Amino acid sequence: MKARFVLRASTPWWRGPLLIAAAALLTILISAIMIRWAGGAPIPAVRYMFISPLQSRFGFTESLLSATPLVFTGAAVAIAFRAGYWNIGAEGQLLAGTIGATWVGLHAESLPRIVGVTLILLAGMLFGALWALTPALLRTRLGIDEVVTTLLLNPVALLIITGLLNGPWRNSESGFPDSDVIADSTKLWIIWPNTRVHFGLALGIVIIGLCWWFVGKMSGGLKLRAVGLAPNAARIAGLPVERTLLTTALVSGGIAGLGGASEIAGVAHQLTTGISNNFGYTGVIVATLAALSFIGALLVALMFGVITVGSFSASRALEIPSQIGQLVQAVLLITVVSALVIQKYRIVWTTKKSEGRK
């Protein structure tokens, strides 16, 4: 017997929410099994991971902080994917943004804060866009697959950071391979007193809103979606497919770079080789789980922030690996994507006899 997927002619309205709810329950069940294998108690661990961060001011605000870079990378990946540009390089673009932001932060001691903050954010955005430029040109001019080129540039960005931190940007006081602290005039404002939640979160929400408005309401967004859905038809209709892809790639890289600047100016205040906890790669998961919806990307990023904080709480309390949170995110991706496939397609089993009759 052979299985094949057949597109459903129609789906009832309740099928989607039911499948997503089933995917969430299956994720919790599989997570509980993995936690048990890791030597922990499943029920307390699930409570620590999904509920505990929301029960205290500290846990909630730290969840917002953890979600902030994912808001940027989720939006960056979503807008690129909507145009049919498969940008897997948000990680490298975010790292490039941290380089630009650090360079400004180390040379802006005497500027007014509003000027310093503006410059550090613009530098991050510019460096992220520039990092996205080469793969975009290779795609639009030579037809080279951007999945490979954007992915391969990610470790290159990290190698550049490593070289800078072991060379000209080595800490002048400690001698360790991390940069000096950036100037106070370039640090983002704290928007929730007595917490670490900074202006970057508000900026990320604004970026989400702008992306939603542009893609959903503007004529340029209509062209972007047309290029993403049917590039050949868009080209026949006279739409500038290559220019749209190039512009979208630069915007995507700029948003990811802005996320890197937000991390430098908002929470880290110095460049280290561990500045990104795979934020770019997780952004791909965020955008995928959100079905490329910008509002959905915001919600998924917030959920991942809760899981990240909760996994550390569970690790400390129950002595299980903190990486369990990343496993939960991976399981969630698999179950939700499977649910989306089941929603749109049905499985038809065929035998050799039935194939022969055809």
Protein backbone atom coordinates (compact mmCIF):
# COMPACT_ATOMS: atom_id res chain seq x y z
CA MET A 1 0.00 0.00 0.00
CA LYS A 2 1.07 3.56 -0.69
CA ALA A 3 -0.08 6.72 1.06
CA ARG A 4 -0.57 10.04 -0.69
CA PHE A 5 -1.89 13.40 0.42
CA VAL A 6 -4.99 14.80 -1.28
CA LEU A 7 -6.10 18.40 -0.81
CA ARG A 8 -9.42 18.62 1.03
CA ALA A 9 -12.20 20.25 -0.99
CA SER A 10 -13.49 22.01 2.13
CA THR A 11 -12.97 21.93 5.87
CA PRO A 12 -15.50 22.70 8.61
CA TRP A 13 -14.77 25.78 10.72
CA TRP A 14 -14.23 23.74 13.87
CA ARG A 15 -11.53 21.45 12.45
CA GLY A 16 -8.68 23.99 12.74
CA PRO A 17 -9.21 24.97 16.41
CA LEU A 18 -9.81 21.33 17.33
CA LEU A 19 -6.57 20.18 15.69
CA ILE A 20 -4.55 22.99 17.30
CA ALA A 21 -5.99 22.10 20.71
CA ALA A 22 -5.13 18.45 20.09
CA ALA A 23 -1.60 19.46 19.08
CA ALA A 24 -1.21 21.45 22.32
CA LEU A 25 -2.42 18.53 24.44
CA LEU A 26 -0.15 16.12 22.56
CA THR A 27 2.78 18.48 23.15
CA ILE A 28 2.11 18.50 26.88
CA LEU A 29 1.83 14.69 26.91
CA ILE A 30 5.08 14.16 24.98
CA SER A 31 6.80 16.79 27.13
CA ALA A 32 5.70 14.97 30.26
CA ILE A 33 7.14 11.71 28.91
CA MET A 34 10.47 13.39 28.08
CA ILE A 35 10.61 14.99 31.52
CA ARG A 36 9.98 11.58 33.08
CA TRP A 37 12.84 10.10 31.04
CA ALA A 38 15.04 12.94 32.27
CA GLY A 39 14.35 11.89 35.85
CA GLY A 40 11.84 14.60 36.78
CA ALA A 41 8.25 14.56 37.98
CA PRO A 42 6.07 15.37 34.94
CA ILE A 43 3.15 17.18 36.57
CA PRO A 44 5.24 19.61 38.67
CA ALA A 45 7.56 20.19 35.70
CA VAL A 46 4.67 21.05 33.38
CA ARG A 47 3.33 23.41 36.03
CA TYR A 48 6.73 25.09 36.38
CA MET A 49 7.13 25.44 32.62
CA PHE A 50 3.71 26.66 31.54
CA ILE A 51 2.03 28.18 34.60
CA SER A 52 4.63 29.25 37.16
CA PRO A 53 6.13 32.11 35.07
CA LEU A 54 2.70 33.74 34.87
CA GLN A 55 2.07 33.60 38.61
CA SER A 56 4.68 36.14 39.70
CA ARG A 57 5.71 39.60 38.60
CA PHE A 58 9.31 38.49 38.17
CA GLY A 59 8.43 35.43 36.10
CA PHE A 60 6.06 37.38 33.88
CA THR A 61 8.48 40.22 33.19
CA GLU A 62 11.36 37.84 32.54
CA SER A 63 9.11 36.00 30.08
CA LEU A 64 8.52 39.30 28.28
CA LEU A 65 12.27 39.89 28.24
CA SER A 66 12.95 36.42 26.79
CA ALA A 67 10.27 36.95 24.16
CA THR A 68 11.62 40.31 22.95
CA PRO A 69 14.28 39.06 20.47
CA LEU A 70 11.88 36.41 19.19
CA VAL A 71 9.36 39.12 18.31
CA PHE A 72 11.94 40.65 15.98
CA THR A 73 13.20 37.42 14.42
CA GLY A 74 9.68 36.02 14.11
CA ALA A 75 8.57 39.13 12.23
CA ALA A 76 11.73 39.08 10.08
CA VAL A 77 11.21 35.48 9.02
CA ALA A 78 7.45 35.87 8.53
CA ILE A 79 7.70 38.81 6.13
CA ALA A 80 10.41 37.08 4.11
CA PHE A 81 8.48 33.82 3.89
CA ARG A 82 5.31 35.68 2.86
CA ALA A 83 7.22 36.90 -0.20
CA GLY A 84 8.52 33.42 -0.99
CA TYR A 85 12.03 34.35 0.12
CA TRP A 86 13.18 31.56 2.44
CA ASN A 87 15.41 33.49 4.81
CA ILE A 88 17.05 31.06 7.24
CA GLY A 89 19.70 33.65 8.07
CA ALA A 90 17.94 35.67 10.74
CA GLU A 91 20.52 34.37 13.22
CA GLY A 92 23.42 35.84 11.25
CA GLN A 93 21.52 39.04 10.55
CA LEU A 94 20.78 39.46 14.25
CA LEU A 95 24.46 38.90 15.05
CA ALA A 96 25.43 41.44 12.39
CA GLY A 97 23.05 43.86 14.09
CA THR A 98 24.83 43.34 17.40
CA ILE A 99 28.15 44.21 15.71
CA GLY A 100 26.79 47.47 14.34
CA ALA A 101 25.11 48.33 17.63
CA THR A 102 28.26 47.62 19.63
CA TRP A 103 30.36 49.78 17.32
CA VAL A 104 28.02 52.74 17.90
CA GLY A 105 27.73 51.99 21.62
CA LEU A 106 31.49 52.11 22.08
CA HIS A 107 31.84 55.48 20.32
CA ALA A 108 28.86 57.51 21.50
CA GLU A 109 29.78 58.61 25.02
CA SER A 110 28.95 62.32 24.70
CA LEU A 111 25.72 62.16 22.69
CA PRO A 112 22.25 62.99 24.05
CA ARG A 113 20.42 59.80 24.92
CA ILE A 114 17.71 60.18 22.29
CA VAL A 115 20.41 60.58 19.63
CA GLY A 116 22.52 57.71 20.96
CA VAL A 117 19.56 55.32 21.13
CA THR A 118 18.44 56.28 17.63
CA LEU A 119 21.92 55.72 16.22
CA ILE A 120 22.44 52.36 17.90
CA LEU A 121 19.11 51.06 16.62
CA LEU A 122 19.73 52.38 13.11
CA ALA A 123 23.19 50.80 13.09
CA GLY A 124 21.77 47.43 14.06
CA MET A 125 19.14 47.67 11.35
CA LEU A 126 21.67 48.74 8.72
CA PHE A 127 24.16 45.98 9.54
CA GLY A 128 21.40 43.36 9.51
CA ALA A 129 20.20 44.54 6.11
CA LEU A 130 23.74 44.57 4.71
CA TRP A 131 24.28 41.02 5.97
CA ALA A 132 21.14 39.98 4.08
CA LEU A 133 22.22 41.75 0.88
CA THR A 134 24.62 39.16 -0.56
CA PRO A 135 22.23 36.15 -0.43
CA ALA A 136 19.46 38.36 -1.82
CA LEU A 137 21.60 39.43 -4.78
CA LEU A 138 22.66 35.83 -5.40
CA ARG A 139 18.99 34.81 -5.48
CA THR A 140 17.69 37.65 -7.65
CA ARG A 141 20.65 37.94 -10.04
CA LEU A 142 21.97 34.38 -10.32
CA GLY A 143 19.07 32.26 -9.08
CA ILE A 144 21.12 30.70 -6.26
CA ASP A 145 18.96 29.18 -3.52
CA GLU A 146 18.79 31.53 -0.54
CA VAL A 147 18.18 28.71 1.95
CA VAL A 148 21.79 27.59 1.58
CA THR A 149 23.43 31.02 1.38
CA THR A 150 21.56 32.58 4.28
CA LEU A 151 22.16 29.52 6.44
CA LEU A 152 25.88 29.36 5.69
CA LEU A 153 26.38 33.02 6.61
CA ASN A 154 25.15 32.45 10.18
CA PRO A 155 28.39 30.91 11.53
CA VAL A 156 30.40 33.48 9.59
CA ALA A 157 28.79 36.27 11.62
CA LEU A 158 29.66 34.45 14.84
CA LEU A 159 33.26 33.99 13.69
CA ILE A 160 33.54 37.72 13.02
CA ILE A 161 32.26 38.45 16.52
CA THR A 162 34.77 35.98 17.98
CA GLY A 163 37.58 37.67 16.08
CA LEU A 164 36.54 41.13 17.23
CA LEU A 165 36.25 40.05 20.87
CA ASN A 166 39.66 38.38 20.78
CA GLY A 167 41.16 41.39 19.05
CA PRO A 168 40.24 45.08 18.95
CA TRP A 169 37.12 44.78 21.10
CA ARG A 170 38.58 42.67 23.90
CA ASN A 171 37.49 44.02 27.29
CA SER A 172 39.99 46.68 28.32
CA GLU A 173 39.46 46.07 32.06
CA SER A 174 39.11 42.31 32.49
CA GLY A 175 40.93 41.15 29.38
CA PHE A 176 38.17 38.61 28.76
CA PRO A 177 36.79 38.10 25.24
CA ASP A 178 33.81 40.37 25.63
CA SER A 179 33.47 44.02 24.72
CA ASP A 180 33.49 47.00 27.04
CA VAL A 181 30.10 48.16 28.28
CA ILE A 182 28.38 50.48 25.81
CA ALA A 183 27.85 54.16 26.61
CA ASP A 184 24.92 55.05 28.86
CA SER A 185 23.64 57.37 26.14
CA THR A 186 22.92 54.35 23.91
CA LYS A 187 21.12 52.15 26.44
CA LEU A 188 17.40 51.62 25.92
CA TRP A 189 14.89 52.90 28.45
CA ILE A 190 13.31 50.55 30.98
CA ILE A 191 9.55 50.67 30.36
CA TRP A 192 8.49 48.64 33.43
CA PRO A 193 10.02 50.06 36.62
CA ASN A 194 12.14 47.72 38.75
CA THR A 195 12.28 45.08 35.99
CA ARG A 196 14.49 44.41 32.97
CA VAL A 197 11.70 44.95 30.42
CA HIS A 198 13.02 47.60 28.05
CA PHE A 199 11.96 49.74 25.12
CA GLY A 200 12.93 46.98 22.70
CA LEU A 201 9.72 45.10 23.50
CA ALA A 202 7.58 48.11 22.61
CA LEU A 203 9.61 48.62 19.45
CA GLY A 204 9.13 44.97 18.49
CA ILE A 205 5.36 45.29 18.91
CA VAL A 206 5.43 48.40 16.70
CA ILE A 207 7.38 46.45 14.06
CA ILE A 208 4.77 43.68 14.21
CA GLY A 209 2.01 46.25 13.73
CA LEU A 210 3.78 47.91 10.81
CA CYS A 211 4.39 44.57 9.08
CA TRP A 212 0.74 43.57 9.56
CA TRP A 213 -0.46 46.92 8.21
CA PHE A 214 1.87 46.93 5.21
CA VAL A 215 1.38 43.32 4.11
CA GLY A 216 -2.35 43.28 4.76
CA LYS A 217 -3.47 46.80 3.84
CA MET A 218 -1.01 48.40 1.40
CA SER A 219 -0.63 47.87 -2.35
CA GLY A 220 3.04 47.01 -1.81
CA GLY A 221 1.98 44.26 0.56
CA LEU A 222 -0.42 42.92 -2.06
CA LYS A 223 2.47 42.72 -4.53
CA LEU A 224 4.60 40.99 -1.90
CA ARG A 225 1.93 38.36 -1.29
CA ALA A 226 1.38 37.88 -5.01
CA VAL A 227 5.09 37.27 -5.54
CA GLY A 228 5.11 34.80 -2.67
CA LEU A 229 2.06 32.85 -3.84
CA ALA A 230 2.73 32.73 -7.58
CA PRO A 231 6.00 34.31 -8.72
CA ASN A 232 5.62 33.24 -12.36
CA ALA A 233 2.09 34.62 -12.58
CA ALA A 234 3.26 37.81 -10.88
CA ARG A 235 6.06 38.15 -13.42
CA ILE A 236 3.62 37.67 -16.32
CA ALA A 237 1.36 40.32 -14.76
CA GLY A 238 4.26 42.76 -14.88
CA LEU A 239 5.11 42.83 -11.18
CA PRO A 240 8.79 43.48 -10.31
CA VAL A 241 9.43 40.06 -8.78
CA GLU A 242 13.21 40.35 -8.34
CA ARG A 243 12.99 43.87 -6.91
CA THR A 244 10.26 42.78 -4.50
CA LEU A 245 12.35 39.84 -3.31
CA LEU A 246 15.45 42.01 -2.90
CA THR A 247 13.58 44.69 -0.94
CA THR A 248 11.85 42.12 1.25
CA ALA A 249 15.16 40.39 2.01
CA LEU A 250 16.71 43.70 3.09
CA VAL A 251 13.70 44.57 5.25
CA SER A 252 13.80 41.11 6.81
CA GLY A 253 17.51 41.43 7.56
CA GLY A 254 16.99 44.92 8.93
CA ILE A 255 14.31 43.73 11.35
CA ALA A 256 16.52 40.88 12.56
CA GLY A 257 19.45 43.30 12.95
CA LEU A 258 17.20 45.62 14.92
CA GLY A 259 16.53 42.70 17.25
CA GLY A 260 20.29 42.35 17.74
CA ALA A 261 20.62 46.04 18.54
CA SER A 262 17.76 45.69 21.02
CA GLU A 263 19.63 42.93 22.84
CA ILE A 264 22.84 44.99 23.04
CA ALA A 265 21.20 48.28 24.01
CA GLY A 266 18.41 46.84 26.13
CA VAL A 267 19.72 44.01 28.26
CA ALA A 268 23.29 42.81 27.57
CA HIS A 269 24.99 46.24 27.22
CA GLN A 270 28.08 44.52 25.83
CA LEU A 271 28.89 42.09 23.06
CA THR A 272 29.70 38.46 23.88
CA THR A 273 29.91 35.33 21.76
CA GLY A 274 26.76 34.08 23.51
CA ILE A 275 24.72 37.20 22.80
CA SER A 276 22.21 35.16 20.79
CA ASN A 277 20.63 32.07 22.27
CA ASN A 278 19.72 30.81 18.78
CA PHE A 279 17.18 33.63 18.51
CA GLY A 280 17.31 33.59 14.71
CA TYR A 281 16.69 29.87 14.37
CA THR A 282 13.91 30.05 16.95
CA GLY A 283 12.41 32.88 14.91
CA VAL A 284 11.90 30.41 12.06
CA ILE A 285 9.94 28.19 14.45
CA VAL A 286 7.96 31.19 15.73
CA ALA A 287 6.97 32.27 12.22
CA THR A 288 6.10 28.72 11.20
CA LEU A 289 3.93 28.08 14.24
CA ALA A 290 2.19 31.40 13.61
CA ALA A 291 1.43 30.33 10.03
CA LEU A 292 3.31 33.49 8.93
CA SER A 293 0.79 35.69 10.76
CA PHE A 294 2.45 38.71 12.36
CA ILE A 295 0.01 38.88 15.28
CA GLY A 296 0.43 35.13 15.66
CA ALA A 297 4.21 35.55 15.69
CA LEU A 298 3.87 37.99 18.60
CA LEU A 299 1.74 35.52 20.56
CA VAL A 300 4.02 32.56 19.82
CA ALA A 301 7.08 34.61 20.83
CA LEU A 302 5.40 35.43 24.15
CA MET A 303 4.55 31.77 24.66
CA PHE A 304 8.15 30.77 23.96
CA GLY A 305 9.27 33.40 26.47
CA VAL A 306 7.12 31.70 29.09
CA ILE A 307 8.50 28.26 28.18
CA THR A 308 12.09 29.54 28.34
CA VAL A 309 11.70 31.04 31.80
CA GLY A 310 9.66 28.08 32.98
CA SER A 311 12.26 25.56 31.82
CA PHE A 312 14.93 27.27 33.93
CA SER A 313 12.58 27.28 36.93
CA ALA A 314 11.86 23.59 36.44
CA SER A 315 15.58 22.87 36.06
CA ARG A 316 16.42 24.53 39.36
CA ALA A 317 13.50 23.08 41.29
CA LEU A 318 13.44 19.54 39.91
CA GLU A 319 17.07 19.08 38.79
CA ILE A 320 16.24 18.34 35.17
CA PRO A 321 18.18 19.71 32.16
CA SER A 322 17.23 23.29 31.28
CA GLN A 323 17.40 22.30 27.59
CA ILE A 324 14.05 20.57 28.09
CA GLY A 325 12.44 23.87 27.08
CA GLN A 326 14.04 23.67 23.63
CA LEU A 327 12.77 20.12 23.26
CA VAL A 328 9.27 21.28 24.13
CA GLN A 329 9.49 24.00 21.47
CA ALA A 330 10.63 21.43 18.90
CA VAL A 331 7.79 19.05 19.80
CA LEU A 332 5.32 21.93 19.58
CA LEU A 333 6.58 22.74 16.09
CA ILE A 334 6.18 19.13 14.92
CA THR A 335 2.69 18.69 16.37
CA VAL A 336 1.32 22.02 15.13
CA VAL A 337 2.75 21.62 11.61
CA SER A 338 1.30 18.10 11.52
CA ALA A 339 -2.06 19.50 12.59
CA LEU A 340 -1.94 22.11 9.82
CA VAL A 341 -1.16 19.41 7.24
CA ILE A 342 -4.05 17.26 8.47
CA GLN A 343 -6.34 20.29 8.31
CA LYS A 344 -5.58 20.92 4.63
CA TYR A 345 -4.97 17.38 3.36
CA ARG A 346 -6.40 13.91 3.80
CA ILE A 347 -4.43 10.70 3.48
CA VAL A 348 -5.52 8.29 0.76
CA TRP A 349 -4.17 4.76 0.79
CA THR A 350 -3.76 3.10 -2.58
CA THR A 351 -2.79 -0.43 -3.56
CA LYS A 352 -0.93 -1.64 -6.63
CA LYS A 353 -4.19 -3.04 -8.03
CA SER A 354 -5.99 0.29 -7.75
CA GLU A 355 -3.02 2.05 -9.35
CA GLY A 356 -3.06 -0.46 -12.19
CA ARG A 357 -6.78 0.15 -12.87
CA LYS A 358 -6.01 3.88 -13.20
